[in-house]
Amino acid sequence: MDETERRAAKRFEGELKGTATFDIEGKEEQREVTIKNISVYGAYFQTDTCPDISESVRIHMQLEDSEAPFEAVGTVIRVDQLSEKTYGCALKFDETLDLGCDGS
């Protein structure tokens, strides 16, 4: 069984650019991010920094082509160092998001 067959919800893949504010232990850090994929349960994005695994974070993202902000709270479940200055971060949302679709 491949990876996509094991997922509980449909994952939308792409290159969505935007900005995010990470709340890490009360300190806000704003970063440019690229969302590589997102589902109703979580997201994977790339950035130049990333919180530690198990860190609870709030992301508030304003996508370049959208007036409506995307906001979610979740826990970092994986960090990949993709290059010297690029990290991939997997975030599991605390609550299921409404992405305007059935998510399955």
Foldseek 3Di string as FASTA:
>chain_A
DDPCVPDPFDKDADFFWWKWWWQFVNDTDIWIKTWGIDFQFWTKIKTQDDDDAQTKIWIWIDTPPDPDIDIFIFGWHDWDDPDPRMIITITTTPGGDCPPDPGD
